[in-house]
Amino acid sequence: MAFASPADLSPIPQAEAPRDCPLCPRLVRLREELRAEYPAWWNAPVPVFGDPEGWIAIVGLAPGRKGANRTGRPFTGDYSGEIFYSTLLKFDLAKGEYRGDVDDGVKLEGAVVLNAVKCLPPANKPTPEEIATCGHYLEAALANLPRVRVVVALGQIAHVAAAKALGLWPGSKFAHGAEATALDGRVLLSTYHCSRQNTNTGRLTREMFEGVFERALAFKCPR
């Protein structure tokens, strides 16, 4: 898997960045450093994961160093994956048993996961220029997911990126539980990111996180 193309693993390969995407020099430098240090890691733009016919799209910030950047699957292998996938499993948006490994057999049903930035940024902090550059891939992904009616953004950066992709920016402001409807009827719901920092400090509780997905279910449309 370490040398596969993101398109090889994606449900929407036509919307993926190439493995050696050159667009953000700072991210490219970090990618090359990690490829030399950890050659068995994914170390490439992380592809979309999930159901190409899904009705809900979940937008994260960016791959975590030892999470998706290592494994090649969003929210897989780091702390945030535990609450993230347990929530999807609770609301029947996923099937299987999450074990933090791409071979654990977890499958998404009705859901698809994307990132605002597809490559690992230093200190998990992409620059505004990097977010804007990668916005092209987020827009392409959403354009290739015609059944999506709800977009859930995890954190402020994901909220802004998703709002721009849906034509809601700058009118849509970020807050936990924020809700906005695009002109085409797609709904943007936002939550604090399910990071260790947010959950350990109590800024985000499991009940708060699950509440956003409960709200999302109200907009589910039958296939």
N, C-alpha and C. Protein backbone atom coordinates (compact mmCIF):
# COMPACT_ATOMS: atom_id res chain seq x y z
N MET A 1 0.82 -1.21 0.00
CA MET A 1 0.00 0.00 0.00
C MET A 1 0.86 1.26 0.00
N ALA A 2 2.07 1.20 0.52
CA ALA A 2 2.87 2.38 0.74
C ALA A 2 3.15 3.13 -0.56
N PHE A 3 3.11 2.45 -1.70
CA PHE A 3 3.45 3.11 -2.95
C PHE A 3 2.26 3.17 -3.90
N ALA A 4 1.04 2.96 -3.38
CA ALA A 4 -0.16 3.06 -4.21
C ALA A 4 -0.48 4.53 -4.49
N SER A 5 -1.29 4.74 -5.50
CA SER A 5 -1.81 6.07 -5.76
C SER A 5 -3.04 6.31 -4.92
N PRO A 6 -3.28 7.53 -4.44
CA PRO A 6 -4.53 7.80 -3.72
C PRO A 6 -5.76 7.39 -4.52
N ALA A 7 -5.70 7.56 -5.84
CA ALA A 7 -6.85 7.21 -6.67
C ALA A 7 -7.15 5.72 -6.62
N ASP A 8 -6.14 4.90 -6.35
CA ASP A 8 -6.35 3.45 -6.29
C ASP A 8 -7.22 3.04 -5.12
N LEU A 9 -7.27 3.88 -4.07
CA LEU A 9 -7.99 3.53 -2.85
C LEU A 9 -9.27 4.34 -2.67
N SER A 10 -9.54 5.27 -3.56
CA SER A 10 -10.64 6.20 -3.38
C SER A 10 -11.91 5.75 -4.08
N PRO A 11 -13.08 6.03 -3.48
CA PRO A 11 -14.35 5.76 -4.16
C PRO A 11 -14.63 6.75 -5.29
N ILE A 12 -13.90 7.87 -5.30
CA ILE A 12 -14.04 8.87 -6.38
C ILE A 12 -12.64 9.21 -6.91
N PRO A 13 -12.00 8.27 -7.60
CA PRO A 13 -10.60 8.46 -8.02
C PRO A 13 -10.38 9.68 -8.90
N GLN A 14 -11.41 10.09 -9.63
CA GLN A 14 -11.28 11.24 -10.52
C GLN A 14 -11.08 12.55 -9.78
N ALA A 15 -11.32 12.56 -8.47
CA ALA A 15 -11.21 13.79 -7.68
C ALA A 15 -9.97 13.80 -6.79
N GLU A 16 -9.07 12.83 -6.95
CA GLU A 16 -7.94 12.71 -6.04
C GLU A 16 -6.69 13.45 -6.52
N ALA A 17 -5.89 13.88 -5.55
CA ALA A 17 -4.56 14.42 -5.83
C ALA A 17 -3.62 13.28 -6.17
N PRO A 18 -2.61 13.53 -6.99
CA PRO A 18 -1.61 12.49 -7.26
C PRO A 18 -0.76 12.22 -6.02
N ARG A 19 -0.15 11.05 -5.99
CA ARG A 19 0.67 10.68 -4.83
C ARG A 19 1.77 11.70 -4.56
N ASP A 20 2.36 12.25 -5.59
CA ASP A 20 3.45 13.22 -5.43
C ASP A 20 2.98 14.63 -5.76
N CYS A 21 1.80 14.98 -5.29
CA CYS A 21 1.25 16.31 -5.54
C CYS A 21 2.28 17.39 -5.19
N PRO A 22 2.59 18.30 -6.13
CA PRO A 22 3.65 19.28 -5.90
C PRO A 22 3.16 20.65 -5.46
N LEU A 23 1.87 20.83 -5.17
CA LEU A 23 1.29 22.16 -5.09
C LEU A 23 1.69 22.97 -3.86
N CYS A 24 2.02 22.31 -2.75
CA CYS A 24 2.35 23.03 -1.51
C CYS A 24 3.78 22.70 -1.09
N PRO A 25 4.74 23.55 -1.40
CA PRO A 25 6.15 23.22 -1.15
C PRO A 25 6.47 22.82 0.29
N ARG A 26 5.87 23.48 1.26
CA ARG A 26 6.15 23.17 2.66
C ARG A 26 5.67 21.76 3.00
N LEU A 27 4.52 21.38 2.49
CA LEU A 27 4.00 20.05 2.75
C LEU A 27 4.79 18.99 1.99
N VAL A 28 5.27 19.34 0.81
CA VAL A 28 6.10 18.41 0.05
C VAL A 28 7.39 18.12 0.80
N ARG A 29 8.00 19.16 1.37
CA ARG A 29 9.25 18.96 2.12
C ARG A 29 9.04 18.01 3.30
N LEU A 30 7.96 18.22 4.04
CA LEU A 30 7.68 17.35 5.17
C LEU A 30 7.40 15.93 4.70
N ARG A 31 6.67 15.79 3.63
CA ARG A 31 6.37 14.47 3.08
C ARG A 31 7.66 13.73 2.71
N GLU A 32 8.58 14.41 2.05
CA GLU A 32 9.83 13.77 1.65
C GLU A 32 10.69 13.40 2.87
N GLU A 33 10.69 14.25 3.89
CA GLU A 33 11.43 13.94 5.11
C GLU A 33 10.88 12.67 5.77
N LEU A 34 9.56 12.56 5.84
CA LEU A 34 8.95 11.41 6.48
C LEU A 34 9.07 10.14 5.63
N ARG A 35 9.08 10.30 4.32
CA ARG A 35 9.30 9.13 3.47
C ARG A 35 10.70 8.54 3.70
N ALA A 36 11.64 9.41 3.93
CA ALA A 36 13.00 8.93 4.20
C ALA A 36 13.10 8.29 5.58
N GLU A 37 12.40 8.88 6.56
CA GLU A 37 12.46 8.39 7.94
C GLU A 37 11.57 7.18 8.17
N TYR A 38 10.40 7.19 7.55
CA TYR A 38 9.43 6.10 7.74
C TYR A 38 8.93 5.61 6.37
N PRO A 39 9.73 4.86 5.67
CA PRO A 39 9.38 4.47 4.30
C PRO A 39 8.16 3.55 4.21
N ALA A 40 7.76 2.92 5.30
CA ALA A 40 6.60 2.03 5.26
C ALA A 40 5.28 2.78 5.49
N TRP A 41 5.35 4.05 5.89
CA TRP A 41 4.15 4.84 6.10
C TRP A 41 3.54 5.25 4.77
N TRP A 42 2.28 5.68 4.81
CA TRP A 42 1.60 6.15 3.60
C TRP A 42 2.30 7.37 3.02
N ASN A 43 2.45 8.45 3.82
CA ASN A 43 3.22 9.64 3.42
C ASN A 43 2.84 10.16 2.03
N ALA A 44 1.58 10.49 1.85
CA ALA A 44 1.07 11.00 0.58
C ALA A 44 -0.29 11.64 0.85
N PRO A 45 -0.85 12.34 -0.15
CA PRO A 45 -2.21 12.85 0.04
C PRO A 45 -3.15 11.70 0.41
N VAL A 46 -3.96 11.92 1.44
CA VAL A 46 -4.85 10.86 1.93
C VAL A 46 -6.15 10.89 1.13
N PRO A 47 -6.53 9.75 0.56
CA PRO A 47 -7.72 9.73 -0.29
C PRO A 47 -9.02 9.77 0.51
N VAL A 48 -10.07 10.10 -0.20
CA VAL A 48 -11.42 10.02 0.35
C VAL A 48 -11.70 8.57 0.75
N PHE A 49 -12.46 8.40 1.82
CA PHE A 49 -12.82 7.06 2.29
C PHE A 49 -14.33 6.99 2.49
N GLY A 50 -14.94 5.93 1.98
CA GLY A 50 -16.35 5.73 2.28
C GLY A 50 -17.20 5.36 1.09
N ASP A 51 -18.48 5.70 1.21
CA ASP A 51 -19.52 5.28 0.29
C ASP A 51 -19.72 6.33 -0.80
N PRO A 52 -19.44 6.01 -2.07
CA PRO A 52 -19.62 7.01 -3.12
C PRO A 52 -21.08 7.41 -3.33
N GLU A 53 -22.01 6.63 -2.76
CA GLU A 53 -23.42 6.97 -2.83
C GLU A 53 -23.91 7.55 -1.50
N GLY A 54 -22.99 7.95 -0.65
CA GLY A 54 -23.34 8.43 0.68
C GLY A 54 -24.15 9.72 0.67
N TRP A 55 -24.95 9.89 1.73
CA TRP A 55 -25.77 11.10 1.88
C TRP A 55 -25.13 12.11 2.82
N ILE A 56 -24.14 11.67 3.60
CA ILE A 56 -23.46 12.56 4.53
C ILE A 56 -21.96 12.54 4.28
N ALA A 57 -21.37 13.73 4.13
CA ALA A 57 -19.93 13.87 3.95
C ALA A 57 -19.36 14.53 5.20
N ILE A 58 -18.30 13.95 5.74
CA ILE A 58 -17.67 14.48 6.95
C ILE A 58 -16.30 15.02 6.56
N VAL A 59 -16.06 16.28 6.88
CA VAL A 59 -14.83 16.96 6.48
C VAL A 59 -13.96 17.19 7.71
N GLY A 60 -12.77 16.59 7.71
CA GLY A 60 -11.81 16.80 8.77
C GLY A 60 -10.82 17.89 8.41
N LEU A 61 -9.86 18.10 9.29
CA LEU A 61 -8.85 19.14 9.06
C LEU A 61 -7.80 18.67 8.07
N ALA A 62 -6.99 17.70 8.48
CA ALA A 62 -5.87 17.21 7.69
C ALA A 62 -5.42 15.89 8.31
N PRO A 63 -4.63 15.11 7.60
CA PRO A 63 -4.13 13.85 8.18
C PRO A 63 -3.28 14.10 9.43
N GLY A 64 -3.42 13.23 10.43
CA GLY A 64 -2.55 13.27 11.59
C GLY A 64 -1.23 12.56 11.26
N ARG A 65 -0.16 12.97 11.91
CA ARG A 65 1.16 12.42 11.61
C ARG A 65 1.19 10.90 11.76
N LYS A 66 0.69 10.41 12.91
CA LYS A 66 0.72 8.97 13.15
C LYS A 66 -0.63 8.32 12.89
N GLY A 67 -1.56 9.13 12.39
CA GLY A 67 -2.87 8.61 12.02
C GLY A 67 -2.92 8.38 10.53
N ALA A 68 -3.71 9.20 9.83
CA ALA A 68 -3.92 8.99 8.40
C ALA A 68 -2.65 9.12 7.58
N ASN A 69 -1.72 10.00 7.98
CA ASN A 69 -0.47 10.10 7.22
C ASN A 69 0.32 8.80 7.29
N ARG A 70 0.14 8.05 8.36
CA ARG A 70 0.83 6.76 8.49
C ARG A 70 0.05 5.63 7.83
N THR A 71 -1.28 5.64 8.01
CA THR A 71 -2.08 4.49 7.56
C THR A 71 -2.70 4.67 6.18
N GLY A 72 -2.92 5.91 5.76
CA GLY A 72 -3.55 6.17 4.47
C GLY A 72 -5.06 6.20 4.50
N ARG A 73 -5.68 6.12 5.69
CA ARG A 73 -7.13 6.18 5.80
C ARG A 73 -7.51 7.24 6.82
N PRO A 74 -8.46 8.13 6.51
CA PRO A 74 -8.81 9.20 7.44
C PRO A 74 -9.17 8.69 8.83
N PHE A 75 -8.68 9.41 9.85
CA PHE A 75 -9.01 9.13 11.25
C PHE A 75 -8.66 7.70 11.66
N THR A 76 -7.63 7.16 11.11
CA THR A 76 -7.26 5.77 11.42
C THR A 76 -5.85 5.71 11.99
N GLY A 77 -5.76 5.23 13.23
CA GLY A 77 -4.45 5.04 13.85
C GLY A 77 -4.07 6.06 14.90
N ASP A 78 -4.93 7.05 15.15
CA ASP A 78 -4.63 8.01 16.21
C ASP A 78 -5.84 8.14 17.14
N TYR A 79 -5.71 8.98 18.15
CA TYR A 79 -6.73 9.08 19.19
C TYR A 79 -8.09 9.48 18.64
N SER A 80 -8.13 10.45 17.73
CA SER A 80 -9.40 10.95 17.25
C SER A 80 -10.23 9.87 16.55
N GLY A 81 -9.57 8.86 16.01
CA GLY A 81 -10.28 7.80 15.34
C GLY A 81 -11.20 7.02 16.26
N GLU A 82 -10.85 6.93 17.54
CA GLU A 82 -11.65 6.14 18.46
C GLU A 82 -13.06 6.71 18.60
N ILE A 83 -13.16 7.99 18.91
CA ILE A 83 -14.49 8.61 19.06
C ILE A 83 -15.15 8.77 17.70
N PHE A 84 -14.36 9.04 16.67
CA PHE A 84 -14.92 9.26 15.34
C PHE A 84 -15.63 8.01 14.83
N TYR A 85 -14.92 6.88 14.79
CA TYR A 85 -15.53 5.68 14.22
C TYR A 85 -16.57 5.07 15.16
N SER A 86 -16.40 5.21 16.47
CA SER A 86 -17.43 4.69 17.37
C SER A 86 -18.74 5.44 17.17
N THR A 87 -18.66 6.73 16.85
CA THR A 87 -19.86 7.51 16.58
C THR A 87 -20.52 7.06 15.28
N LEU A 88 -19.72 6.86 14.24
CA LEU A 88 -20.30 6.39 12.97
C LEU A 88 -20.94 5.02 13.15
N LEU A 89 -20.30 4.16 13.90
CA LEU A 89 -20.86 2.83 14.14
C LEU A 89 -22.17 2.93 14.92
N LYS A 90 -22.23 3.82 15.90
CA LYS A 90 -23.44 3.96 16.71
C LYS A 90 -24.64 4.37 15.86
N PHE A 91 -24.40 5.23 14.85
CA PHE A 91 -25.51 5.75 14.05
C PHE A 91 -25.65 5.00 12.72
N ASP A 92 -25.11 3.79 12.67
CA ASP A 92 -25.24 2.91 11.50
C ASP A 92 -24.70 3.55 10.22
N LEU A 93 -23.69 4.39 10.38
CA LEU A 93 -23.00 4.96 9.23
C LEU A 93 -21.75 4.16 8.89
N ALA A 94 -21.47 3.16 9.69
CA ALA A 94 -20.33 2.28 9.46
C ALA A 94 -20.67 0.89 9.97
N LYS A 95 -19.98 -0.10 9.42
CA LYS A 95 -20.13 -1.48 9.84
C LYS A 95 -18.74 -2.06 10.10
N GLY A 96 -18.68 -2.99 11.04
CA GLY A 96 -17.41 -3.64 11.35
C GLY A 96 -16.94 -3.30 12.75
N GLU A 97 -15.66 -3.53 12.98
CA GLU A 97 -15.05 -3.24 14.28
C GLU A 97 -13.79 -2.42 14.05
N TYR A 98 -13.81 -1.17 14.51
CA TYR A 98 -12.65 -0.29 14.33
C TYR A 98 -11.52 -0.72 15.25
N ARG A 99 -10.36 -0.98 14.65
CA ARG A 99 -9.18 -1.36 15.41
C ARG A 99 -7.97 -0.48 15.09
N GLY A 100 -8.21 0.64 14.42
CA GLY A 100 -7.13 1.57 14.14
C GLY A 100 -6.17 1.12 13.06
N ASP A 101 -6.64 0.24 12.19
CA ASP A 101 -5.79 -0.33 11.14
C ASP A 101 -6.60 -0.39 9.85
N VAL A 102 -5.98 -0.11 8.73
CA VAL A 102 -6.71 -0.11 7.46
C VAL A 102 -7.23 -1.49 7.09
N ASP A 103 -6.71 -2.52 7.72
CA ASP A 103 -7.16 -3.88 7.45
C ASP A 103 -8.19 -4.38 8.46
N ASP A 104 -8.78 -3.45 9.23
CA ASP A 104 -9.75 -3.88 10.25
C ASP A 104 -11.12 -4.20 9.66
N GLY A 105 -11.31 -3.90 8.39
CA GLY A 105 -12.56 -4.25 7.74
C GLY A 105 -13.70 -3.28 7.90
N VAL A 106 -13.46 -2.12 8.52
CA VAL A 106 -14.53 -1.13 8.67
C VAL A 106 -14.98 -0.63 7.30
N LYS A 107 -16.29 -0.58 7.10
CA LYS A 107 -16.89 -0.06 5.88
C LYS A 107 -17.89 1.02 6.24
N LEU A 108 -17.90 2.08 5.48
CA LEU A 108 -18.89 3.14 5.70
C LEU A 108 -20.11 2.90 4.84
N GLU A 109 -21.28 3.19 5.39
CA GLU A 109 -22.55 3.01 4.69
C GLU A 109 -23.35 4.30 4.78
N GLY A 110 -23.47 4.98 3.66
CA GLY A 110 -24.18 6.25 3.63
C GLY A 110 -23.31 7.43 4.00
N ALA A 111 -22.04 7.18 4.29
CA ALA A 111 -21.13 8.25 4.73
C ALA A 111 -19.83 8.20 3.94
N VAL A 112 -19.22 9.36 3.82
CA VAL A 112 -17.92 9.47 3.17
C VAL A 112 -17.10 10.51 3.93
N VAL A 113 -15.78 10.28 4.03
CA VAL A 113 -14.92 11.15 4.83
C VAL A 113 -13.88 11.82 3.93
N LEU A 114 -13.74 13.13 4.11
CA LEU A 114 -12.79 13.93 3.35
C LEU A 114 -11.98 14.78 4.32
N ASN A 115 -10.95 15.45 3.81
CA ASN A 115 -10.19 16.41 4.60
C ASN A 115 -10.10 17.74 3.88
N ALA A 116 -10.05 18.82 4.65
CA ALA A 116 -9.84 20.14 4.07
C ALA A 116 -8.47 20.23 3.41
N VAL A 117 -7.48 19.59 4.03
CA VAL A 117 -6.11 19.53 3.49
C VAL A 117 -5.72 18.06 3.42
N LYS A 118 -5.27 17.61 2.27
CA LYS A 118 -5.07 16.19 2.04
C LYS A 118 -3.71 15.68 2.52
N CYS A 119 -2.76 16.57 2.75
CA CYS A 119 -1.42 16.17 3.19
C CYS A 119 -1.15 16.64 4.61
N LEU A 120 -0.27 15.95 5.29
CA LEU A 120 0.11 16.31 6.65
C LEU A 120 0.79 17.67 6.69
N PRO A 121 0.27 18.61 7.50
CA PRO A 121 0.95 19.90 7.68
C PRO A 121 1.82 19.87 8.94
N PRO A 122 2.94 20.59 8.96
CA PRO A 122 3.75 20.68 10.17
C PRO A 122 2.93 21.16 11.35
N ALA A 123 3.09 20.49 12.50
CA ALA A 123 2.38 20.84 13.73
C ALA A 123 0.88 20.83 13.56
N ASN A 124 0.39 20.14 12.53
CA ASN A 124 -1.05 20.04 12.25
C ASN A 124 -1.67 21.39 11.99
N LYS A 125 -0.87 22.33 11.44
CA LYS A 125 -1.36 23.69 11.20
C LYS A 125 -1.08 24.09 9.76
N PRO A 126 -2.01 23.85 8.85
CA PRO A 126 -1.82 24.31 7.48
C PRO A 126 -1.91 25.83 7.39
N THR A 127 -1.22 26.39 6.43
CA THR A 127 -1.31 27.83 6.21
C THR A 127 -2.57 28.16 5.41
N PRO A 128 -3.01 29.41 5.44
CA PRO A 128 -4.17 29.79 4.63
C PRO A 128 -3.97 29.47 3.14
N GLU A 129 -2.74 29.64 2.67
CA GLU A 129 -2.46 29.34 1.26
C GLU A 129 -2.62 27.86 0.97
N GLU A 130 -2.18 27.01 1.89
CA GLU A 130 -2.31 25.57 1.69
C GLU A 130 -3.77 25.13 1.73
N ILE A 131 -4.53 25.72 2.63
CA ILE A 131 -5.96 25.40 2.70
C ILE A 131 -6.66 25.80 1.41
N ALA A 132 -6.33 26.99 0.90
CA ALA A 132 -6.95 27.47 -0.33
C ALA A 132 -6.56 26.60 -1.52
N THR A 133 -5.30 26.21 -1.58
CA THR A 133 -4.82 25.37 -2.68
C THR A 133 -5.53 24.02 -2.68
N CYS A 134 -5.68 23.42 -1.51
CA CYS A 134 -6.30 22.10 -1.42
C CYS A 134 -7.82 22.19 -1.56
N GLY A 135 -8.36 23.39 -1.47
CA GLY A 135 -9.79 23.55 -1.64
C GLY A 135 -10.29 23.04 -2.98
N HIS A 136 -9.41 23.05 -3.96
CA HIS A 136 -9.79 22.52 -5.29
C HIS A 136 -10.19 21.06 -5.19
N TYR A 137 -9.45 20.28 -4.39
CA TYR A 137 -9.75 18.86 -4.26
C TYR A 137 -11.01 18.62 -3.45
N LEU A 138 -11.25 19.44 -2.44
CA LEU A 138 -12.48 19.32 -1.67
C LEU A 138 -13.69 19.63 -2.54
N GLU A 139 -13.60 20.69 -3.33
CA GLU A 139 -14.69 21.03 -4.23
C GLU A 139 -14.94 19.93 -5.25
N ALA A 140 -13.86 19.36 -5.79
CA ALA A 140 -14.00 18.29 -6.77
C ALA A 140 -14.64 17.06 -6.14
N ALA A 141 -14.25 16.76 -4.91
CA ALA A 141 -14.82 15.59 -4.23
C ALA A 141 -16.32 15.78 -4.01
N LEU A 142 -16.72 16.93 -3.50
CA LEU A 142 -18.15 17.16 -3.27
C LEU A 142 -18.93 17.17 -4.58
N ALA A 143 -18.31 17.65 -5.65
CA ALA A 143 -18.99 17.66 -6.95
C ALA A 143 -19.21 16.25 -7.47
N ASN A 144 -18.38 15.31 -7.02
CA ASN A 144 -18.48 13.92 -7.47
C ASN A 144 -19.23 13.04 -6.47
N LEU A 145 -19.90 13.67 -5.51
CA LEU A 145 -20.72 12.95 -4.53
C LEU A 145 -22.14 13.50 -4.62
N PRO A 146 -22.86 13.15 -5.66
CA PRO A 146 -24.15 13.80 -5.94
C PRO A 146 -25.25 13.52 -4.94
N ARG A 147 -25.12 12.47 -4.13
CA ARG A 147 -26.17 12.14 -3.16
C ARG A 147 -25.98 12.82 -1.80
N VAL A 148 -24.88 13.50 -1.63
CA VAL A 148 -24.62 14.15 -0.34
C VAL A 148 -25.62 15.27 -0.10
N ARG A 149 -26.31 15.18 1.03
CA ARG A 149 -27.24 16.23 1.44
C ARG A 149 -26.77 16.98 2.67
N VAL A 150 -25.89 16.36 3.45
CA VAL A 150 -25.39 16.95 4.69
C VAL A 150 -23.88 16.89 4.69
N VAL A 151 -23.25 18.00 5.06
CA VAL A 151 -21.80 18.05 5.24
C VAL A 151 -21.54 18.40 6.70
N VAL A 152 -20.79 17.55 7.40
CA VAL A 152 -20.42 17.81 8.78
C VAL A 152 -18.96 18.22 8.82
N ALA A 153 -18.69 19.39 9.33
CA ALA A 153 -17.33 19.92 9.39
C ALA A 153 -16.79 19.78 10.80
N LEU A 154 -15.59 19.21 10.92
CA LEU A 154 -14.96 19.00 12.21
C LEU A 154 -13.91 20.08 12.46
N GLY A 155 -14.29 21.10 13.18
CA GLY A 155 -13.37 22.18 13.50
C GLY A 155 -13.51 23.38 12.58
N GLN A 156 -12.89 24.49 12.98
CA GLN A 156 -13.08 25.76 12.27
C GLN A 156 -12.48 25.72 10.86
N ILE A 157 -11.29 25.16 10.70
CA ILE A 157 -10.68 25.13 9.37
C ILE A 157 -11.54 24.32 8.40
N ALA A 158 -12.02 23.16 8.85
CA ALA A 158 -12.89 22.35 8.00
C ALA A 158 -14.19 23.08 7.71
N HIS A 159 -14.70 23.81 8.71
CA HIS A 159 -15.94 24.58 8.51
C HIS A 159 -15.77 25.61 7.41
N VAL A 160 -14.69 26.38 7.47
CA VAL A 160 -14.48 27.42 6.46
C VAL A 160 -14.29 26.80 5.08
N ALA A 161 -13.50 25.72 5.01
CA ALA A 161 -13.26 25.07 3.71
C ALA A 161 -14.56 24.53 3.14
N ALA A 162 -15.37 23.88 3.98
CA ALA A 162 -16.64 23.33 3.50
C ALA A 162 -17.62 24.44 3.13
N ALA A 163 -17.65 25.50 3.92
CA ALA A 163 -18.55 26.62 3.62
C ALA A 163 -18.21 27.25 2.27
N LYS A 164 -16.92 27.38 1.99
CA LYS A 164 -16.52 27.92 0.69
C LYS A 164 -16.93 26.98 -0.44
N ALA A 165 -16.74 25.69 -0.24
CA ALA A 165 -17.09 24.72 -1.27
C ALA A 165 -18.59 24.69 -1.54
N LEU A 166 -19.38 25.01 -0.52
CA LEU A 166 -20.84 25.00 -0.65
C LEU A 166 -21.41 26.37 -1.02
N GLY A 167 -20.55 27.37 -1.16
CA GLY A 167 -21.02 28.71 -1.48
C GLY A 167 -21.63 29.45 -0.31
N LEU A 168 -21.23 29.08 0.92
CA LEU A 168 -21.80 29.67 2.12
C LEU A 168 -20.87 30.68 2.80
N TRP A 169 -19.67 30.82 2.30
CA TRP A 169 -18.70 31.71 2.94
C TRP A 169 -18.72 33.06 2.24
N PRO A 170 -18.65 34.18 3.02
CA PRO A 170 -18.33 34.33 4.44
C PRO A 170 -19.54 34.42 5.37
N GLY A 171 -20.71 34.13 4.88
CA GLY A 171 -21.89 34.31 5.72
C GLY A 171 -22.04 33.31 6.83
N SER A 172 -21.43 32.13 6.71
CA SER A 172 -21.59 31.08 7.71
C SER A 172 -20.45 31.13 8.73
N LYS A 173 -20.76 31.37 9.97
CA LYS A 173 -19.75 31.49 11.02
C LYS A 173 -19.63 30.16 11.78
N PHE A 174 -18.41 29.86 12.20
CA PHE A 174 -18.18 28.60 12.90
C PHE A 174 -18.60 28.68 14.36
N ALA A 175 -19.25 27.62 14.81
CA ALA A 175 -19.53 27.38 16.23
C ALA A 175 -19.92 25.93 16.35
N HIS A 176 -19.73 25.36 17.53
CA HIS A 176 -20.20 23.99 17.70
C HIS A 176 -21.72 23.98 17.59
N GLY A 177 -22.23 23.12 16.71
CA GLY A 177 -23.66 23.05 16.49
C GLY A 177 -24.19 24.02 15.46
N ALA A 178 -23.28 24.79 14.84
CA ALA A 178 -23.73 25.74 13.82
C ALA A 178 -24.36 25.00 12.65
N GLU A 179 -25.34 25.64 12.02
CA GLU A 179 -26.08 25.02 10.93
C GLU A 179 -26.38 26.07 9.86
N ALA A 180 -26.15 25.71 8.62
CA ALA A 180 -26.44 26.61 7.51
C ALA A 180 -26.88 25.79 6.30
N THR A 181 -27.70 26.39 5.47
CA THR A 181 -28.21 25.69 4.29
C THR A 181 -27.78 26.43 3.03
N ALA A 182 -27.16 25.70 2.11
CA ALA A 182 -26.71 26.26 0.85
C ALA A 182 -27.89 26.47 -0.09
N LEU A 183 -27.67 27.22 -1.16
CA LEU A 183 -28.74 27.50 -2.11
C LEU A 183 -29.27 26.24 -2.76
N ASP A 184 -28.42 25.22 -2.90
CA ASP A 184 -28.87 23.98 -3.52
C ASP A 184 -29.51 23.02 -2.53
N GLY A 185 -29.65 23.44 -1.28
CA GLY A 185 -30.32 22.64 -0.27
C GLY A 185 -29.42 21.81 0.61
N ARG A 186 -28.14 21.71 0.27
CA ARG A 186 -27.23 20.95 1.12
C ARG A 186 -27.03 21.70 2.44
N VAL A 187 -26.93 20.92 3.51
CA VAL A 187 -26.84 21.49 4.85
C VAL A 187 -25.43 21.31 5.41
N LEU A 188 -24.90 22.37 5.99
CA LEU A 188 -23.60 22.33 6.66
C LEU A 188 -23.82 22.35 8.16
N LEU A 189 -23.35 21.31 8.85
CA LEU A 189 -23.36 21.25 10.31
C LEU A 189 -21.92 21.24 10.79
N SER A 190 -21.66 21.91 11.90
CA SER A 190 -20.29 22.02 12.38
C SER A 190 -20.17 21.60 13.84
N THR A 191 -19.00 21.08 14.17
CA THR A 191 -18.70 20.65 15.53
C THR A 191 -17.24 20.93 15.82
N TYR A 192 -16.91 21.02 17.09
CA TYR A 192 -15.50 21.03 17.44
C TYR A 192 -14.87 19.72 16.97
N HIS A 193 -13.60 19.78 16.65
CA HIS A 193 -12.89 18.59 16.19
C HIS A 193 -12.75 17.60 17.34
N CYS A 194 -12.82 16.31 17.01
CA CYS A 194 -12.73 15.27 18.05
C CYS A 194 -11.27 14.93 18.37
N SER A 195 -10.47 15.95 18.57
CA SER A 195 -9.07 15.78 18.92
C SER A 195 -8.91 15.47 20.40
N ARG A 196 -7.78 14.93 20.77
CA ARG A 196 -7.50 14.66 22.18
C ARG A 196 -7.55 15.95 23.00
N GLN A 197 -7.03 17.04 22.45
CA GLN A 197 -7.03 18.30 23.19
C GLN A 197 -8.45 18.74 23.53
N ASN A 198 -9.35 18.65 22.57
CA ASN A 198 -10.72 19.09 22.82
C ASN A 198 -11.47 18.17 23.77
N THR A 199 -11.27 16.86 23.63
CA THR A 199 -12.01 15.93 24.49
C THR A 199 -11.42 15.87 25.90
N ASN A 200 -10.11 15.97 26.02
CA ASN A 200 -9.49 15.93 27.34
C ASN A 200 -9.82 17.17 28.17
N THR A 201 -10.00 18.30 27.52
CA THR A 201 -10.30 19.53 28.25
C THR A 201 -11.79 19.71 28.49
N GLY A 202 -12.60 18.84 27.91
CA GLY A 202 -14.04 18.95 28.07
C GLY A 202 -14.69 19.94 27.13
N ARG A 203 -13.91 20.54 26.25
CA ARG A 203 -14.50 21.45 25.27
C ARG A 203 -15.49 20.70 24.37
N LEU A 204 -15.15 19.44 24.08
CA LEU A 204 -16.04 18.58 23.31
C LEU A 204 -16.26 17.29 24.09
N THR A 205 -17.50 16.99 24.40
CA THR A 205 -17.84 15.72 25.03
C THR A 205 -18.38 14.77 23.97
N ARG A 206 -18.41 13.50 24.31
CA ARG A 206 -18.98 12.53 23.38
C ARG A 206 -20.43 12.86 23.07
N GLU A 207 -21.17 13.30 24.07
CA GLU A 207 -22.57 13.65 23.87
C GLU A 207 -22.71 14.82 22.89
N MET A 208 -21.84 15.81 23.01
CA MET A 208 -21.88 16.94 22.08
C MET A 208 -21.59 16.48 20.65
N PHE A 209 -20.58 15.64 20.50
CA PHE A 209 -20.19 15.16 19.18
C PHE A 209 -21.32 14.33 18.56
N GLU A 210 -21.86 13.43 19.35
CA GLU A 210 -22.94 12.58 18.84
C GLU A 210 -24.18 13.41 18.52
N GLY A 211 -24.38 14.49 19.26
CA GLY A 211 -25.56 15.32 19.01
C GLY A 211 -25.59 15.91 17.61
N VAL A 212 -24.42 16.24 17.08
CA VAL A 212 -24.36 16.78 15.72
C VAL A 212 -24.79 15.72 14.71
N PHE A 213 -24.40 14.48 14.94
CA PHE A 213 -24.79 13.41 14.02
C PHE A 213 -26.26 13.06 14.18
N GLU A 214 -26.78 13.18 15.39
CA GLU A 214 -28.23 13.01 15.57
C GLU A 214 -28.99 14.05 14.76
N ARG A 215 -28.50 15.28 14.79
CA ARG A 215 -29.13 16.34 14.00
C ARG A 215 -29.02 16.04 12.50
N ALA A 216 -27.88 15.51 12.08
CA ALA A 216 -27.69 15.20 10.66
C ALA A 216 -28.70 14.19 10.16
N LEU A 217 -29.07 13.25 11.01
CA LEU A 217 -30.02 12.22 10.60
C LEU A 217 -31.38 12.79 10.21
N ALA A 218 -31.68 13.97 10.71
CA ALA A 218 -32.96 14.60 10.38
C ALA A 218 -33.03 14.99 8.91
N PHE A 219 -31.86 15.09 8.25
CA PHE A 219 -31.83 15.52 6.86
C PHE A 219 -31.59 14.36 5.90
N LYS A 220 -31.54 13.16 6.43
CA LYS A 220 -31.28 12.01 5.58
C LYS A 220 -32.41 11.83 4.57
N CYS A 221 -32.03 11.60 3.33
CA CYS A 221 -33.03 11.35 2.29
C CYS A 221 -32.93 9.88 1.86
N PRO A 222 -34.03 9.21 1.61
CA PRO A 222 -33.96 7.82 1.15
C PRO A 222 -33.34 7.73 -0.23
N ARG A 223 -32.62 6.63 -0.47
CA ARG A 223 -31.99 6.45 -1.78
C ARG A 223 -33.04 6.05 -2.81
